[in-house]
């Protein structure tokens, strides 16, 4: 359930006109980059437990958060700073946040609600029925707008967009490790079906689905 602006208390979400202001990302961790690299594994099975909004915000910041406001640089490198990706959160089990499709507004570190409802099962159907999509508390979908990069680099820009998808995904996976969460990269899906399931604009091509959830302790 989304909390209203009038019901704000310390630690609660700031909501106004279907906009969710995310908590500020933390900039340090007790887990080193080296440890996160060592521990990263593809995990497809998750506990049926919610993520916190702080965890969600941290993952999205790792994906495309602004790290230099004056020039708009982000956490992942981009060819010519063309930044061809839009990032979507498919929320299903997040404390204090309604299930729905949200677009990440990296400029203001906030979510913009696009459609209410739990779309995890529908997204899974578009991806060969993979259970990790349904069982993950959230899914992060990376949608590329090729023209942003190809208008500068021509056809070579297509390669640059795909390379950037890898940069973004690895940021999410390492951040998940630092948060004690599990994740897995998914590239096996029907582009058109995913685009339709999420009601994406025609020029936004889904390139990656990243489920994330609480993991079973070893």
N, C-alpha and C. Protein backbone atom coordinates (compact mmCIF):
# COMPACT_ATOMS: atom_id res chain seq x y z
N UNK A 1 0.85 -1.20 0.00
CA UNK A 1 0.00 0.00 0.00
C UNK A 1 0.88 1.24 0.00
N UNK A 2 0.56 2.22 -0.82
CA UNK A 2 1.30 3.47 -0.87
C UNK A 2 0.79 4.42 0.20
N UNK A 3 1.72 4.95 0.98
CA UNK A 3 1.36 5.89 2.02
C UNK A 3 1.10 7.26 1.39
N UNK A 4 0.15 7.99 1.93
CA UNK A 4 -0.16 9.32 1.39
C UNK A 4 0.77 10.37 1.97
N UNK A 5 0.87 11.48 1.28
CA UNK A 5 1.73 12.58 1.74
C UNK A 5 1.29 13.07 3.11
N UNK A 6 -0.01 13.08 3.37
CA UNK A 6 -0.51 13.61 4.63
C UNK A 6 -0.21 12.70 5.80
N UNK A 7 0.16 11.42 5.53
CA UNK A 7 0.40 10.49 6.61
C UNK A 7 1.87 10.25 6.87
N UNK A 8 2.71 11.19 6.48
CA UNK A 8 4.14 10.98 6.61
C UNK A 8 4.59 10.98 8.06
N UNK A 9 5.48 10.04 8.35
CA UNK A 9 6.19 10.01 9.61
C UNK A 9 7.64 9.72 9.29
N UNK A 10 8.51 9.78 10.28
CA UNK A 10 9.92 9.51 10.05
C UNK A 10 10.10 8.12 9.49
N UNK A 11 10.83 8.01 8.37
CA UNK A 11 11.10 6.73 7.76
C UNK A 11 10.05 6.25 6.78
N UNK A 12 8.93 6.96 6.67
CA UNK A 12 7.90 6.56 5.72
C UNK A 12 8.18 7.16 4.35
N UNK A 13 7.51 6.65 3.36
CA UNK A 13 7.73 7.11 2.00
C UNK A 13 7.05 8.44 1.74
N UNK A 14 7.65 9.20 0.85
CA UNK A 14 7.04 10.45 0.40
C UNK A 14 6.35 10.20 -0.92
N UNK A 15 5.02 10.28 -0.94
CA UNK A 15 4.25 9.98 -2.14
C UNK A 15 3.42 11.19 -2.54
N UNK A 16 3.46 11.51 -3.80
CA UNK A 16 2.63 12.61 -4.29
C UNK A 16 2.37 12.39 -5.77
N UNK A 17 1.08 12.32 -6.14
CA UNK A 17 0.70 12.16 -7.54
C UNK A 17 1.39 10.96 -8.19
N UNK A 18 1.33 9.80 -7.50
CA UNK A 18 1.92 8.56 -8.01
C UNK A 18 3.43 8.63 -8.19
N UNK A 19 4.07 9.50 -7.44
CA UNK A 19 5.53 9.59 -7.44
C UNK A 19 6.04 9.16 -6.07
N UNK A 20 7.00 8.24 -6.06
CA UNK A 20 7.55 7.71 -4.82
C UNK A 20 8.99 8.20 -4.67
N UNK A 21 9.23 9.04 -3.69
CA UNK A 21 10.59 9.50 -3.42
C UNK A 21 11.34 8.42 -2.66
N UNK A 22 12.45 7.96 -3.21
CA UNK A 22 13.21 6.88 -2.60
C UNK A 22 14.18 7.42 -1.54
N UNK A 23 14.51 6.59 -0.54
CA UNK A 23 15.51 7.01 0.44
C UNK A 23 16.85 7.26 -0.25
N UNK A 24 17.62 8.15 0.29
CA UNK A 24 18.93 8.43 -0.28
C UNK A 24 19.80 7.17 -0.23
N UNK A 25 20.56 6.88 -1.29
CA UNK A 25 21.39 5.68 -1.30
C UNK A 25 22.55 5.80 -0.33
N UNK A 26 22.93 4.69 0.23
CA UNK A 26 24.12 4.69 1.08
C UNK A 26 25.34 4.60 0.19
N UNK A 27 26.44 5.17 0.65
CA UNK A 27 27.65 5.26 -0.16
C UNK A 27 28.80 4.46 0.41
N UNK A 28 28.52 3.59 1.38
CA UNK A 28 29.55 2.70 1.91
C UNK A 28 28.92 1.38 2.31
N UNK A 29 29.76 0.40 2.59
CA UNK A 29 29.27 -0.93 2.90
C UNK A 29 30.33 -1.69 3.67
N UNK A 30 29.91 -2.69 4.41
CA UNK A 30 30.85 -3.54 5.14
C UNK A 30 31.42 -4.63 4.24
N UNK A 31 30.90 -4.76 3.02
CA UNK A 31 31.36 -5.76 2.06
C UNK A 31 32.20 -5.07 0.99
N UNK A 32 33.41 -5.57 0.77
CA UNK A 32 34.30 -4.97 -0.23
C UNK A 32 33.86 -5.37 -1.64
N UNK A 33 34.35 -4.64 -2.62
CA UNK A 33 34.08 -4.99 -4.01
C UNK A 33 34.61 -6.39 -4.29
N UNK A 34 35.79 -6.69 -3.76
CA UNK A 34 36.39 -8.01 -3.99
C UNK A 34 35.53 -9.12 -3.41
N UNK A 35 34.97 -8.90 -2.23
CA UNK A 35 34.11 -9.91 -1.62
C UNK A 35 32.82 -10.09 -2.41
N UNK A 36 32.27 -8.98 -2.89
CA UNK A 36 31.05 -9.06 -3.69
C UNK A 36 31.28 -9.83 -4.98
N UNK A 37 32.45 -9.61 -5.61
CA UNK A 37 32.80 -10.36 -6.81
C UNK A 37 32.93 -11.85 -6.51
N UNK A 38 33.53 -12.16 -5.38
CA UNK A 38 33.72 -13.56 -5.00
C UNK A 38 32.40 -14.26 -4.72
N UNK A 39 31.47 -13.54 -4.10
CA UNK A 39 30.21 -14.14 -3.65
C UNK A 39 29.11 -14.13 -4.71
N UNK A 40 29.26 -13.35 -5.76
CA UNK A 40 28.18 -13.24 -6.74
C UNK A 40 27.91 -14.57 -7.42
N UNK A 41 26.66 -14.98 -7.38
CA UNK A 41 26.20 -16.19 -8.06
C UNK A 41 24.81 -15.93 -8.63
N UNK A 42 24.46 -16.65 -9.67
CA UNK A 42 23.09 -16.57 -10.19
C UNK A 42 22.19 -17.40 -9.29
N UNK A 43 21.22 -16.74 -8.67
CA UNK A 43 20.31 -17.40 -7.75
C UNK A 43 18.88 -17.27 -8.27
N UNK A 44 18.21 -18.40 -8.42
CA UNK A 44 16.88 -18.42 -9.02
C UNK A 44 15.77 -18.74 -8.03
N UNK A 45 16.15 -19.06 -6.80
CA UNK A 45 15.17 -19.42 -5.76
C UNK A 45 15.24 -18.40 -4.64
N UNK A 46 14.07 -17.88 -4.24
CA UNK A 46 14.03 -16.82 -3.24
C UNK A 46 13.00 -17.13 -2.16
N UNK A 47 13.22 -16.55 -1.00
CA UNK A 47 12.23 -16.63 0.07
C UNK A 47 11.02 -15.76 -0.27
N UNK A 48 9.89 -16.13 0.26
CA UNK A 48 8.69 -15.31 0.08
C UNK A 48 8.67 -14.23 1.16
N UNK A 49 9.62 -13.32 1.05
CA UNK A 49 9.76 -12.22 2.01
C UNK A 49 9.93 -10.92 1.24
N UNK A 50 9.40 -9.83 1.79
CA UNK A 50 9.48 -8.55 1.07
C UNK A 50 10.85 -7.91 1.15
N UNK A 51 11.16 -7.12 0.15
CA UNK A 51 12.30 -6.22 0.22
C UNK A 51 11.85 -4.92 0.87
N UNK A 52 12.78 -4.17 1.40
CA UNK A 52 12.46 -2.85 1.92
C UNK A 52 12.59 -1.83 0.80
N UNK A 53 11.97 -0.69 0.98
CA UNK A 53 12.07 0.36 -0.04
C UNK A 53 13.51 0.88 -0.12
N UNK A 54 14.24 0.81 0.98
CA UNK A 54 15.64 1.24 0.96
C UNK A 54 16.47 0.30 0.10
N UNK A 55 16.20 -1.00 0.19
CA UNK A 55 16.91 -1.97 -0.65
C UNK A 55 16.60 -1.75 -2.12
N UNK A 56 15.33 -1.51 -2.41
CA UNK A 56 14.92 -1.26 -3.80
C UNK A 56 15.61 -0.01 -4.34
N UNK A 57 15.60 1.06 -3.54
CA UNK A 57 16.24 2.29 -3.97
C UNK A 57 17.73 2.12 -4.20
N UNK A 58 18.38 1.33 -3.35
CA UNK A 58 19.81 1.09 -3.49
C UNK A 58 20.12 0.34 -4.78
N UNK A 59 19.31 -0.66 -5.11
CA UNK A 59 19.50 -1.43 -6.34
C UNK A 59 19.31 -0.55 -7.58
N UNK A 60 18.31 0.30 -7.56
CA UNK A 60 18.05 1.18 -8.70
C UNK A 60 19.14 2.23 -8.85
N UNK A 61 19.63 2.73 -7.72
CA UNK A 61 20.74 3.68 -7.76
C UNK A 61 21.97 3.01 -8.37
N UNK A 62 22.23 1.76 -7.98
CA UNK A 62 23.36 1.03 -8.53
C UNK A 62 23.23 0.87 -10.05
N UNK A 63 21.99 0.74 -10.51
CA UNK A 63 21.74 0.56 -11.94
C UNK A 63 22.00 1.83 -12.73
N UNK A 64 21.42 2.94 -12.29
CA UNK A 64 21.47 4.17 -13.08
C UNK A 64 21.48 5.44 -12.26
N UNK A 65 21.92 5.35 -11.02
CA UNK A 65 21.93 6.53 -10.17
C UNK A 65 22.89 7.60 -10.66
N UNK A 66 22.53 8.85 -10.42
CA UNK A 66 23.40 9.98 -10.79
C UNK A 66 24.54 10.07 -9.79
N UNK A 67 25.77 10.12 -10.32
CA UNK A 67 26.95 10.22 -9.45
C UNK A 67 27.71 11.53 -9.63
N UNK A 68 27.37 12.28 -10.67
CA UNK A 68 27.95 13.61 -10.87
C UNK A 68 26.87 14.50 -11.45
N UNK A 69 26.25 15.28 -10.59
CA UNK A 69 25.07 16.04 -10.99
C UNK A 69 25.36 17.08 -12.06
N UNK A 70 26.53 17.69 -12.03
CA UNK A 70 26.83 18.77 -12.98
C UNK A 70 26.80 18.29 -14.43
N UNK A 71 27.20 17.04 -14.66
CA UNK A 71 27.22 16.50 -16.02
C UNK A 71 26.27 15.32 -16.20
N UNK A 72 25.57 14.95 -15.16
CA UNK A 72 24.59 13.88 -15.27
C UNK A 72 25.17 12.49 -15.39
N UNK A 73 26.45 12.33 -15.03
CA UNK A 73 27.08 11.01 -15.12
C UNK A 73 26.44 10.05 -14.12
N UNK A 74 26.45 8.76 -14.47
CA UNK A 74 25.74 7.75 -13.69
C UNK A 74 26.68 6.65 -13.22
N UNK A 75 26.10 5.71 -12.49
CA UNK A 75 26.89 4.63 -11.90
C UNK A 75 27.49 3.70 -12.95
N UNK A 76 26.87 3.59 -14.12
CA UNK A 76 27.36 2.72 -15.19
C UNK A 76 27.88 3.57 -16.34
N UNK A 77 29.02 3.20 -16.95
CA UNK A 77 29.54 3.97 -18.09
C UNK A 77 28.65 3.84 -19.31
N UNK A 78 28.64 4.91 -20.12
CA UNK A 78 27.80 4.94 -21.32
C UNK A 78 28.58 5.58 -22.46
N UNK A 79 28.53 4.98 -23.63
CA UNK A 79 29.25 5.50 -24.79
C UNK A 79 28.81 6.94 -25.09
N UNK A 80 29.77 7.85 -25.00
CA UNK A 80 29.47 9.25 -25.29
C UNK A 80 28.45 9.86 -24.36
N UNK A 81 28.27 9.26 -23.19
CA UNK A 81 27.25 9.73 -22.23
C UNK A 81 25.89 9.88 -22.90
N UNK A 82 25.54 8.91 -23.77
CA UNK A 82 24.25 8.96 -24.45
C UNK A 82 23.13 8.32 -23.62
N UNK A 83 23.48 7.50 -22.67
CA UNK A 83 22.54 6.91 -21.70
C UNK A 83 21.25 6.41 -22.37
N UNK A 84 21.33 5.29 -23.09
CA UNK A 84 20.19 4.81 -23.86
C UNK A 84 19.15 4.02 -23.07
N UNK A 85 19.34 3.84 -21.77
CA UNK A 85 18.43 2.95 -21.04
C UNK A 85 17.40 3.67 -20.17
N UNK A 86 16.20 3.07 -20.17
CA UNK A 86 15.18 3.37 -19.18
C UNK A 86 15.08 2.15 -18.28
N UNK A 87 14.91 2.39 -17.00
CA UNK A 87 14.90 1.31 -16.01
C UNK A 87 13.52 1.22 -15.37
N UNK A 88 12.96 0.01 -15.37
CA UNK A 88 11.63 -0.21 -14.82
C UNK A 88 11.70 -1.18 -13.65
N UNK A 89 10.92 -0.88 -12.63
CA UNK A 89 10.78 -1.74 -11.47
C UNK A 89 9.43 -2.44 -11.54
N UNK A 90 9.46 -3.76 -11.55
CA UNK A 90 8.23 -4.55 -11.48
C UNK A 90 8.13 -5.02 -10.04
N UNK A 91 7.41 -4.27 -9.24
CA UNK A 91 7.34 -4.51 -7.80
C UNK A 91 6.21 -5.49 -7.49
N UNK A 92 6.53 -6.50 -6.69
CA UNK A 92 5.51 -7.46 -6.29
C UNK A 92 5.43 -7.64 -4.79
N UNK A 93 6.58 -7.53 -4.12
CA UNK A 93 6.61 -7.79 -2.68
C UNK A 93 7.63 -6.85 -2.03
N UNK A 94 7.20 -5.61 -1.84
CA UNK A 94 8.06 -4.58 -1.24
C UNK A 94 7.27 -3.92 -0.11
N UNK A 95 7.86 -3.89 1.07
CA UNK A 95 7.19 -3.30 2.23
C UNK A 95 6.83 -1.83 1.97
N UNK A 96 5.54 -1.50 2.13
CA UNK A 96 5.10 -0.12 2.02
C UNK A 96 4.92 0.39 0.60
N UNK A 97 5.08 -0.50 -0.40
CA UNK A 97 4.96 -0.06 -1.79
C UNK A 97 3.96 -0.96 -2.52
N UNK A 98 2.97 -0.37 -3.14
CA UNK A 98 1.99 -1.14 -3.89
C UNK A 98 2.64 -1.90 -5.03
N UNK A 99 2.15 -3.09 -5.30
CA UNK A 99 2.61 -3.83 -6.47
C UNK A 99 2.28 -3.03 -7.71
N UNK A 100 3.20 -3.03 -8.66
CA UNK A 100 2.95 -2.27 -9.87
C UNK A 100 4.19 -2.16 -10.74
N UNK A 101 4.02 -1.47 -11.85
CA UNK A 101 5.12 -1.16 -12.76
C UNK A 101 5.52 0.29 -12.53
N UNK A 102 6.76 0.48 -12.19
CA UNK A 102 7.28 1.82 -11.90
C UNK A 102 8.46 2.12 -12.83
N UNK A 103 8.58 3.37 -13.23
CA UNK A 103 9.74 3.81 -13.98
C UNK A 103 10.67 4.55 -13.03
N UNK A 104 11.95 4.23 -13.11
CA UNK A 104 12.93 4.88 -12.23
C UNK A 104 13.34 6.23 -12.83
N UNK A 105 13.10 7.27 -12.08
CA UNK A 105 13.52 8.63 -12.45
C UNK A 105 14.88 8.87 -11.81
N UNK A 106 15.94 8.61 -12.58
CA UNK A 106 17.30 8.69 -12.03
C UNK A 106 17.69 10.13 -11.71
N UNK A 107 17.10 11.10 -12.38
CA UNK A 107 17.45 12.50 -12.12
C UNK A 107 17.07 12.92 -10.70
N UNK A 108 15.99 12.35 -10.18
CA UNK A 108 15.51 12.74 -8.85
C UNK A 108 15.47 11.57 -7.87
N UNK A 109 16.01 10.42 -8.27
CA UNK A 109 16.03 9.21 -7.44
C UNK A 109 14.64 8.94 -6.86
N UNK A 110 13.71 8.68 -7.75
CA UNK A 110 12.33 8.43 -7.35
C UNK A 110 11.68 7.48 -8.36
N UNK A 111 10.53 6.96 -7.96
CA UNK A 111 9.75 6.07 -8.82
C UNK A 111 8.52 6.80 -9.34
N UNK A 112 8.15 6.48 -10.56
CA UNK A 112 6.92 7.01 -11.15
C UNK A 112 6.02 5.83 -11.49
N UNK A 113 4.89 5.76 -10.83
CA UNK A 113 3.96 4.65 -11.04
C UNK A 113 3.35 4.73 -12.43
N UNK A 114 3.44 3.62 -13.18
CA UNK A 114 2.85 3.55 -14.52
C UNK A 114 1.58 2.72 -14.52
N UNK A 115 1.62 1.57 -13.85
CA UNK A 115 0.43 0.71 -13.77
C UNK A 115 0.42 -0.02 -12.44
N UNK A 116 -0.73 -0.07 -11.80
CA UNK A 116 -0.86 -0.79 -10.54
C UNK A 116 -1.17 -2.26 -10.79
N UNK A 117 -0.74 -3.11 -9.85
CA UNK A 117 -1.00 -4.54 -9.96
C UNK A 117 0.28 -5.34 -9.98
N UNK A 118 0.16 -6.63 -9.70
CA UNK A 118 1.31 -7.52 -9.68
C UNK A 118 1.49 -8.13 -11.07
N UNK A 119 2.50 -7.70 -11.78
CA UNK A 119 2.74 -8.14 -13.16
C UNK A 119 3.84 -9.19 -13.26
N UNK A 120 4.26 -9.75 -12.14
CA UNK A 120 5.35 -10.72 -12.18
C UNK A 120 4.97 -11.98 -12.98
N UNK A 121 3.79 -12.50 -12.75
CA UNK A 121 3.37 -13.71 -13.46
C UNK A 121 3.26 -13.45 -14.96
N UNK A 122 2.71 -12.31 -15.31
CA UNK A 122 2.56 -11.96 -16.73
C UNK A 122 3.93 -11.78 -17.38
N UNK A 123 4.86 -11.18 -16.64
CA UNK A 123 6.21 -11.01 -17.16
C UNK A 123 6.88 -12.37 -17.34
N UNK A 124 6.65 -13.28 -16.39
CA UNK A 124 7.20 -14.63 -16.47
C UNK A 124 6.68 -15.37 -17.70
N UNK A 125 5.40 -15.21 -18.00
CA UNK A 125 4.81 -15.85 -19.18
C UNK A 125 5.50 -15.38 -20.46
N UNK A 126 6.00 -14.16 -20.45
CA UNK A 126 6.69 -13.60 -21.62
C UNK A 126 8.14 -14.06 -21.68
N UNK A 127 8.57 -14.79 -20.64
CA UNK A 127 9.96 -15.22 -20.55
C UNK A 127 10.06 -16.72 -20.30
N UNK A 128 9.29 -17.47 -21.08
CA UNK A 128 9.33 -18.94 -21.05
C UNK A 128 8.92 -19.51 -19.70
N UNK A 129 8.14 -18.74 -18.94
CA UNK A 129 7.63 -19.22 -17.66
C UNK A 129 8.66 -19.37 -16.57
N UNK A 130 9.75 -18.63 -16.65
CA UNK A 130 10.82 -18.76 -15.66
C UNK A 130 10.34 -18.34 -14.27
N UNK A 131 10.47 -19.26 -13.31
CA UNK A 131 9.90 -19.07 -11.98
C UNK A 131 10.60 -17.99 -11.17
N UNK A 132 11.86 -17.71 -11.47
CA UNK A 132 12.57 -16.69 -10.71
C UNK A 132 11.92 -15.33 -10.88
N UNK A 133 11.29 -15.10 -12.02
CA UNK A 133 10.62 -13.83 -12.26
C UNK A 133 9.38 -13.71 -11.39
N UNK A 134 8.65 -14.80 -11.26
CA UNK A 134 7.44 -14.80 -10.43
C UNK A 134 7.78 -14.76 -8.96
N UNK A 135 8.84 -15.47 -8.57
CA UNK A 135 9.16 -15.61 -7.14
C UNK A 135 10.02 -14.48 -6.59
N UNK A 136 10.70 -13.75 -7.46
CA UNK A 136 11.48 -12.62 -6.99
C UNK A 136 10.58 -11.54 -6.41
N UNK A 137 11.02 -10.89 -5.36
CA UNK A 137 10.22 -9.82 -4.78
C UNK A 137 10.02 -8.69 -5.79
N UNK A 138 11.05 -8.48 -6.60
CA UNK A 138 10.99 -7.47 -7.65
C UNK A 138 11.67 -7.99 -8.90
N UNK A 139 11.42 -7.32 -10.01
CA UNK A 139 12.20 -7.51 -11.23
C UNK A 139 12.59 -6.13 -11.73
N UNK A 140 13.84 -5.99 -12.13
CA UNK A 140 14.30 -4.77 -12.76
C UNK A 140 14.43 -5.06 -14.24
N UNK A 141 13.77 -4.26 -15.06
CA UNK A 141 13.79 -4.45 -16.51
C UNK A 141 14.55 -3.29 -17.15
N UNK A 142 15.54 -3.64 -17.97
CA UNK A 142 16.32 -2.64 -18.69
C UNK A 142 15.80 -2.54 -20.11
N UNK A 143 15.32 -1.37 -20.49
CA UNK A 143 14.78 -1.15 -21.83
C UNK A 143 15.66 -0.14 -22.57
N UNK A 144 16.16 -0.54 -23.73
CA UNK A 144 17.08 0.30 -24.47
C UNK A 144 16.39 1.11 -25.56
N UNK A 145 16.83 2.34 -25.70
CA UNK A 145 16.38 3.21 -26.79
C UNK A 145 17.60 3.41 -27.69
N UNK A 146 17.69 2.59 -28.72
CA UNK A 146 18.90 2.54 -29.54
C UNK A 146 19.25 3.89 -30.17
N UNK A 147 18.23 4.65 -30.55
CA UNK A 147 18.49 5.89 -31.29
C UNK A 147 19.35 6.87 -30.50
N UNK A 148 19.22 6.84 -29.18
CA UNK A 148 20.02 7.76 -28.39
C UNK A 148 21.52 7.59 -28.65
N UNK A 149 21.91 6.35 -28.93
CA UNK A 149 23.33 6.07 -29.16
C UNK A 149 23.66 5.98 -30.65
N UNK A 150 22.77 5.39 -31.44
CA UNK A 150 23.08 5.23 -32.87
C UNK A 150 23.07 6.55 -33.63
N UNK A 151 22.34 7.55 -33.14
CA UNK A 151 22.35 8.84 -33.85
C UNK A 151 23.72 9.52 -33.76
N UNK A 152 24.54 9.05 -32.83
CA UNK A 152 25.90 9.57 -32.73
C UNK A 152 26.92 8.62 -33.35
N UNK A 153 26.71 7.32 -33.15
CA UNK A 153 27.71 6.33 -33.56
C UNK A 153 27.29 5.43 -34.71
N UNK A 154 26.11 5.66 -35.27
CA UNK A 154 25.65 4.80 -36.35
C UNK A 154 25.38 3.38 -35.85
N UNK A 155 25.51 2.41 -36.75
CA UNK A 155 25.20 1.03 -36.39
C UNK A 155 26.11 0.51 -35.27
N UNK A 156 27.30 1.07 -35.16
CA UNK A 156 28.20 0.65 -34.07
C UNK A 156 27.56 0.91 -32.71
N UNK A 157 26.67 1.88 -32.66
CA UNK A 157 25.99 2.20 -31.41
C UNK A 157 25.16 1.06 -30.86
N UNK A 158 24.68 0.17 -31.75
CA UNK A 158 23.91 -0.98 -31.27
C UNK A 158 24.76 -1.82 -30.33
N UNK A 159 26.02 -2.03 -30.72
CA UNK A 159 26.94 -2.78 -29.87
C UNK A 159 27.15 -2.07 -28.54
N UNK A 160 27.29 -0.75 -28.61
CA UNK A 160 27.53 0.01 -27.38
C UNK A 160 26.36 -0.11 -26.41
N UNK A 161 25.14 -0.13 -26.94
CA UNK A 161 23.96 -0.28 -26.08
C UNK A 161 24.00 -1.63 -25.37
N UNK A 162 24.34 -2.68 -26.11
CA UNK A 162 24.39 -4.01 -25.50
C UNK A 162 25.49 -4.10 -24.45
N UNK A 163 26.62 -3.48 -24.73
CA UNK A 163 27.70 -3.45 -23.74
C UNK A 163 27.24 -2.76 -22.46
N UNK A 164 26.54 -1.65 -22.64
CA UNK A 164 26.08 -0.89 -21.47
C UNK A 164 25.09 -1.69 -20.63
N UNK A 165 24.26 -2.50 -21.28
CA UNK A 165 23.33 -3.34 -20.53
C UNK A 165 24.09 -4.24 -19.56
N UNK A 166 25.24 -4.76 -20.00
CA UNK A 166 26.07 -5.58 -19.13
C UNK A 166 26.63 -4.81 -17.96
N UNK A 167 27.06 -3.56 -18.22
CA UNK A 167 27.57 -2.72 -17.13
C UNK A 167 26.51 -2.54 -16.05
N UNK A 168 25.30 -2.18 -16.50
CA UNK A 168 24.22 -1.90 -15.56
C UNK A 168 23.85 -3.14 -14.76
N UNK A 169 23.71 -4.26 -15.46
CA UNK A 169 23.32 -5.50 -14.79
C UNK A 169 24.35 -5.92 -13.74
N UNK A 170 25.62 -5.83 -14.09
CA UNK A 170 26.64 -6.23 -13.11
C UNK A 170 26.62 -5.32 -11.89
N UNK A 171 26.37 -4.04 -12.08
CA UNK A 171 26.21 -3.15 -10.93
C UNK A 171 25.10 -3.65 -10.00
N UNK A 172 23.97 -4.04 -10.60
CA UNK A 172 22.84 -4.53 -9.80
C UNK A 172 23.20 -5.81 -9.08
N UNK A 173 23.88 -6.73 -9.76
CA UNK A 173 24.23 -8.00 -9.13
C UNK A 173 25.18 -7.82 -7.96
N UNK A 174 26.17 -6.96 -8.12
CA UNK A 174 27.12 -6.72 -7.03
C UNK A 174 26.46 -5.99 -5.87
N UNK A 175 25.56 -5.07 -6.19
CA UNK A 175 24.83 -4.38 -5.13
C UNK A 175 23.94 -5.36 -4.38
N UNK A 176 23.32 -6.28 -5.10
CA UNK A 176 22.48 -7.29 -4.45
C UNK A 176 23.30 -8.11 -3.45
N UNK A 177 24.50 -8.49 -3.85
CA UNK A 177 25.37 -9.24 -2.94
C UNK A 177 25.65 -8.43 -1.69
N UNK A 178 25.96 -7.14 -1.86
CA UNK A 178 26.26 -6.28 -0.72
C UNK A 178 25.07 -6.13 0.22
N UNK A 179 23.87 -6.32 -0.31
CA UNK A 179 22.65 -6.22 0.49
C UNK A 179 22.20 -7.58 1.03
N UNK A 180 22.94 -8.64 0.70
CA UNK A 180 22.55 -9.97 1.14
C UNK A 180 21.37 -10.54 0.37
N UNK A 181 21.21 -10.10 -0.88
CA UNK A 181 20.09 -10.52 -1.71
C UNK A 181 20.58 -11.40 -2.86
N UNK A 182 19.63 -12.13 -3.47
CA UNK A 182 19.95 -12.96 -4.62
C UNK A 182 19.41 -12.35 -5.90
N UNK A 183 20.07 -12.65 -7.02
CA UNK A 183 19.63 -12.12 -8.31
C UNK A 183 20.10 -13.06 -9.40
N UNK A 184 19.54 -12.88 -10.59
CA UNK A 184 19.94 -13.70 -11.73
C UNK A 184 19.69 -12.92 -13.02
N UNK A 185 20.59 -13.02 -14.00
CA UNK A 185 20.36 -12.34 -15.28
C UNK A 185 19.46 -13.19 -16.17
N UNK A 186 18.47 -12.57 -16.78
CA UNK A 186 17.57 -13.27 -17.69
C UNK A 186 17.51 -12.53 -19.03
N UNK A 187 17.91 -13.26 -20.07
CA UNK A 187 17.85 -12.71 -21.41
C UNK A 187 16.95 -13.51 -22.32
N UNK A 188 16.41 -14.62 -21.81
CA UNK A 188 15.54 -15.48 -22.61
C UNK A 188 14.08 -15.05 -22.44
N UNK A 189 13.60 -14.27 -23.37
CA UNK A 189 12.21 -13.82 -23.34
C UNK A 189 11.81 -13.33 -24.72
N UNK A 190 10.52 -13.20 -24.92
CA UNK A 190 9.99 -12.68 -26.18
C UNK A 190 9.88 -11.16 -26.06
N UNK A 191 10.65 -10.46 -26.85
CA UNK A 191 10.71 -9.00 -26.75
C UNK A 191 9.33 -8.36 -26.87
N UNK A 192 8.59 -8.78 -27.88
CA UNK A 192 7.28 -8.18 -28.12
C UNK A 192 6.32 -8.43 -26.97
N UNK A 193 6.36 -9.65 -26.43
CA UNK A 193 5.46 -9.99 -25.32
C UNK A 193 5.81 -9.20 -24.06
N UNK A 194 7.10 -9.04 -23.79
CA UNK A 194 7.51 -8.25 -22.62
C UNK A 194 7.10 -6.79 -22.82
N UNK A 195 7.32 -6.29 -24.01
CA UNK A 195 6.96 -4.90 -24.31
C UNK A 195 5.46 -4.68 -24.11
N UNK A 196 4.66 -5.65 -24.54
CA UNK A 196 3.21 -5.56 -24.39
C UNK A 196 2.79 -5.72 -22.94
N UNK A 197 3.41 -6.68 -22.24
CA UNK A 197 3.04 -6.94 -20.84
C UNK A 197 3.29 -5.72 -19.96
N UNK A 198 4.35 -4.98 -20.27
CA UNK A 198 4.73 -3.82 -19.46
C UNK A 198 4.24 -2.51 -20.07
N UNK A 199 3.60 -2.59 -21.22
CA UNK A 199 3.08 -1.41 -21.91
C UNK A 199 4.20 -0.39 -22.17
N UNK A 200 5.31 -0.89 -22.71
CA UNK A 200 6.44 -0.02 -23.00
C UNK A 200 6.23 0.71 -24.31
N UNK A 201 6.77 1.92 -24.43
CA UNK A 201 6.72 2.62 -25.71
C UNK A 201 7.42 1.79 -26.80
N UNK A 202 7.01 1.95 -28.04
CA UNK A 202 7.53 1.12 -29.13
C UNK A 202 9.03 1.27 -29.32
N UNK A 203 9.57 2.43 -28.97
CA UNK A 203 11.01 2.64 -29.19
C UNK A 203 11.86 2.14 -28.03
N UNK A 204 11.23 1.57 -27.01
CA UNK A 204 11.97 1.03 -25.86
C UNK A 204 11.99 -0.49 -25.95
N UNK A 205 13.17 -1.05 -26.21
CA UNK A 205 13.31 -2.48 -26.43
C UNK A 205 13.83 -3.16 -25.17
N UNK A 206 13.08 -4.10 -24.60
CA UNK A 206 13.56 -4.79 -23.39
C UNK A 206 14.77 -5.65 -23.71
N UNK A 207 15.85 -5.48 -22.96
CA UNK A 207 17.08 -6.21 -23.21
C UNK A 207 17.50 -7.11 -22.05
N UNK A 208 16.98 -6.85 -20.86
CA UNK A 208 17.40 -7.62 -19.69
C UNK A 208 16.29 -7.62 -18.65
N UNK A 209 16.09 -8.77 -18.00
CA UNK A 209 15.22 -8.86 -16.84
C UNK A 209 16.07 -9.34 -15.67
N UNK A 210 16.01 -8.62 -14.57
CA UNK A 210 16.84 -8.92 -13.40
C UNK A 210 15.96 -9.16 -12.18
N UNK A 211 15.58 -10.41 -11.90
CA UNK A 211 14.83 -10.69 -10.67
C UNK A 211 15.74 -10.55 -9.45
N UNK A 212 15.17 -10.09 -8.34
CA UNK A 212 15.90 -9.97 -7.08
C UNK A 212 15.00 -10.39 -5.93
N UNK A 213 15.56 -11.12 -4.97
CA UNK A 213 14.76 -11.52 -3.82
C UNK A 213 15.64 -11.92 -2.65
N UNK A 214 14.99 -12.15 -1.52
CA UNK A 214 15.67 -12.65 -0.33
C UNK A 214 16.13 -14.08 -0.58
N UNK A 215 17.30 -14.45 -0.08
CA UNK A 215 17.82 -15.77 -0.37
C UNK A 215 17.77 -16.67 0.86
N UNK A 216 17.74 -17.97 0.58
CA UNK A 216 17.79 -18.97 1.63
C UNK A 216 19.23 -19.03 2.14
N UNK A 217 19.39 -18.99 3.43
CA UNK A 217 20.74 -19.04 4.01
C UNK A 217 21.36 -20.41 3.79
N UNK A 218 22.66 -20.41 3.54
CA UNK A 218 23.38 -21.67 3.31
C UNK A 218 23.50 -22.46 4.62
